[in-house]
C-alpha atoms as a PDB file:
ATOM      1  CA  MET A   1      18.071 -32.827 -26.479  1.00  0.00           C
ATOM      2  CA  THR A   2      16.704 -33.742 -23.071  1.00  0.00           C
ATOM      3  CA  GLN A   3      13.540 -32.267 -21.658  1.00  0.00           C
ATOM      4  CA  PRO A   4      13.897 -30.141 -18.520  1.00  0.00           C
ATOM      5  CA  LYS A   5      12.536 -31.749 -15.384  1.00  0.00           C
ATOM      6  CA  ARG A   6       9.158 -30.493 -14.294  1.00  0.00           C
ATOM      7  CA  ALA A   7       8.664 -29.427 -10.719  1.00  0.00           C
ATOM      8  CA  ASP A   8       6.510 -31.744  -8.641  1.00  0.00           C
ATOM      9  CA  VAL A   9       3.247 -29.859  -8.236  1.00  0.00           C
ATOM     10  CA  SER A  10       1.177 -32.783  -7.001  1.00  0.00           C
ATOM     11  CA  ASN A  11       0.920 -31.325  -3.496  1.00  0.00           C
ATOM     12  CA  GLU A  12       0.281 -27.699  -4.540  1.00  0.00           C
ATOM     13  CA  PRO A  13      -3.519 -27.947  -4.211  1.00  0.00           C
ATOM     14  CA  ASP A  14      -3.082 -29.293  -0.672  1.00  0.00           C
ATOM     15  CA  LEU A  15      -0.842 -26.356   0.250  1.00  0.00           C
ATOM     16  CA  LEU A  16      -3.280 -23.898  -1.297  1.00  0.00           C
ATOM     17  CA  ASP A  17      -6.228 -25.447   0.540  1.00  0.00           C
ATOM     18  CA  ALA A  18      -4.283 -25.284   3.797  1.00  0.00           C
ATOM     19  CA  ALA A  19      -3.498 -21.598   3.216  1.00  0.00           C
ATOM     20  CA  VAL A  20      -7.166 -20.879   2.454  1.00  0.00           C
ATOM     21  CA  ASN A  21      -8.262 -22.697   5.595  1.00  0.00           C
ATOM     22  CA  ASP A  22      -5.703 -20.764   7.654  1.00  0.00           C
ATOM     23  CA  ALA A  23      -6.911 -17.416   6.278  1.00  0.00           C
ATOM     24  CA  ILE A  24     -10.532 -18.267   7.079  1.00  0.00           C
ATOM     25  CA  ALA A  25      -9.610 -19.504  10.546  1.00  0.00           C
ATOM     26  CA  GLU A  26      -7.690 -16.280  11.271  1.00  0.00           C
ATOM     27  CA  CYS A  27     -10.906 -14.352  10.575  1.00  0.00           C
ATOM     28  CA  GLY A  28     -13.054 -16.485  12.853  1.00  0.00           C
ATOM     29  CA  GLY A  29     -14.681 -18.371   9.978  1.00  0.00           C
ATOM     30  CA  ASP A  30     -16.122 -15.233   8.359  1.00  0.00           C
ATOM     31  CA  LEU A  31     -15.469 -15.564   4.622  1.00  0.00           C
ATOM     32  CA  ARG A  32     -16.180 -11.917   3.800  1.00  0.00           C
ATOM     33  CA  THR A  33     -13.702 -10.745   6.432  1.00  0.00           C
ATOM     34  CA  ALA A  34     -11.119 -13.232   5.141  1.00  0.00           C
ATOM     35  CA  VAL A  35     -11.481 -12.010   1.550  1.00  0.00           C
ATOM     36  CA  ARG A  36     -11.343  -8.387   2.703  1.00  0.00           C
ATOM     37  CA  ALA A  37      -8.132  -9.059   4.657  1.00  0.00           C
ATOM     38  CA  LEU A  38      -6.526 -10.843   1.698  1.00  0.00           C
ATOM     39  CA  VAL A  39      -7.431  -8.033  -0.712  1.00  0.00           C
ATOM     40  CA  ALA A  40      -6.039  -5.454   1.730  1.00  0.00           C
ATOM     41  CA  ASP A  41      -2.810  -7.457   2.026  1.00  0.00           C
ATOM     42  CA  ASN A  42      -2.577  -7.728  -1.752  1.00  0.00           C
ATOM     43  CA  LEU A  43      -2.984  -3.957  -2.153  1.00  0.00           C
ATOM     44  CA  ALA A  44      -0.288  -3.356   0.466  1.00  0.00           C
ATOM     45  CA  LEU A  45       2.077  -5.695  -1.382  1.00  0.00           C
ATOM     46  CA  GLN A  46       1.331  -3.927  -4.673  1.00  0.00           C
ATOM     47  CA  ARG A  47       2.192  -0.578  -3.070  1.00  0.00           C
ATOM     48  CA  GLU A  48       5.475  -2.035  -1.809  1.00  0.00           C
ATOM     49  CA  LEU A  49       6.221  -3.318  -5.303  1.00  0.00           C
ATOM     50  CA  ASP A  50       5.464   0.120  -6.749  1.00  0.00           C
ATOM     51  CA  PHE A  51       7.829   1.716  -4.237  1.00  0.00           C
ATOM     52  CA  ALA A  52      10.572  -0.822  -4.971  1.00  0.00           C
ATOM     53  CA  SER A  53      10.226  -0.281  -8.710  1.00  0.00           C
ATOM     54  CA  LEU A  54      10.743   3.459  -8.185  1.00  0.00           C
ATOM     55  CA  ALA A  55      14.082   2.712  -6.557  1.00  0.00           C
ATOM     56  CA  MET A  56      15.131   0.409  -9.392  1.00  0.00           C
ATOM     57  CA  SER A  57      17.080   1.909 -12.268  1.00  0.00           C
ATOM     58  CA  PHE A  58      16.029   1.545 -15.899  1.00  0.00           C
ATOM     59  CA  GLY A  59      19.247  -0.324 -16.682  1.00  0.00           C
ATOM     60  CA  PHE A  60      18.907  -2.698 -13.744  1.00  0.00           C
ATOM     61  CA  SER A  61      15.457  -3.749 -14.914  1.00  0.00           C
ATOM     62  CA  ARG A  62      16.614  -3.822 -18.558  1.00  0.00           C
ATOM     63  CA  GLY A  63      13.727  -1.546 -19.404  1.00  0.00           C
ATOM     64  CA  TYR A  64      11.025  -3.874 -18.089  1.00  0.00           C
ATOM     65  CA  PHE A  65       8.380  -2.504 -15.796  1.00  0.00           C
ATOM     66  CA  ALA A  66       5.205  -4.432 -15.038  1.00  0.00           C
ATOM     67  CA  ARG A  67       1.941  -2.842 -16.074  1.00  0.00           C
ATOM     68  CA  GLN A  68      -0.245  -1.541 -13.302  1.00  0.00           C
ATOM     69  CA  ARG A  69      -3.039  -4.020 -12.686  1.00  0.00           C
ATOM     70  CA  ASP A  70      -6.585  -2.980 -13.514  1.00  0.00           C
ATOM     71  CA  ALA A  71      -7.960  -4.425 -10.259  1.00  0.00           C
ATOM     72  CA  ARG A  72      -5.722  -2.196  -8.174  1.00  0.00           C
ATOM     73  CA  PHE A  73      -6.716   0.916 -10.105  1.00  0.00           C
ATOM     74  CA  ALA A  74     -10.399   0.057  -9.771  1.00  0.00           C
ATOM     75  CA  SER A  75     -10.064  -0.515  -6.032  1.00  0.00           C
ATOM     76  CA  GLU A  76      -8.470   2.907  -5.663  1.00  0.00           C
ATOM     77  CA  GLY A  77     -11.182   4.591  -7.744  1.00  0.00           C
ATOM     78  CA  ARG A  78      -8.893   5.534 -10.631  1.00  0.00           C
ATOM     79  CA  ALA A  79      -9.208   4.896 -14.340  1.00  0.00           C
ATOM     80  CA  THR A  80      -7.681   1.631 -15.458  1.00  0.00           C
ATOM     81  CA  GLU A  81      -4.233   1.530 -16.973  1.00  0.00           C
ATOM     82  CA  SER A  82      -5.474  -0.461 -19.973  1.00  0.00           C
ATOM     83  CA  ALA A  83      -7.878   2.366 -20.805  1.00  0.00           C
ATOM     84  CA  ASN A  84      -4.934   4.784 -20.895  1.00  0.00           C
ATOM     85  CA  ILE A  85      -2.454   2.648 -22.863  1.00  0.00           C
ATOM     86  CA  GLY A  86      -3.699   3.695 -26.292  1.00  0.00           C
ATOM     87  CA  LYS A  87      -3.651   7.352 -25.306  1.00  0.00           C
ATOM     88  CA  LYS A  88      -0.031   7.189 -24.135  1.00  0.00           C
ATOM     89  CA  MET A  89       1.217   5.528 -27.310  1.00  0.00           C
ATOM     90  CA  LYS A  90      -0.286   8.083 -29.695  1.00  0.00           C
END
């Protein structure tokens, strides 16, 4: 049996570094502002994902729904999902 080919990831760190540099440059070199902007963008994307998952049927997703991420709950001042998992299953 042949092994599947691995994707060439040798240039991934370069692409990541370039993206980091671009984000910092967009915020005028202020690292705190850059991190704040990236976190805000991440939260917006998570909300879009939540909305899209509401529109998706149970059959379409074959019953799979991603767990809510603890970081998002904490940023919104709510209890974490992992703290509630045991309570829901009982």
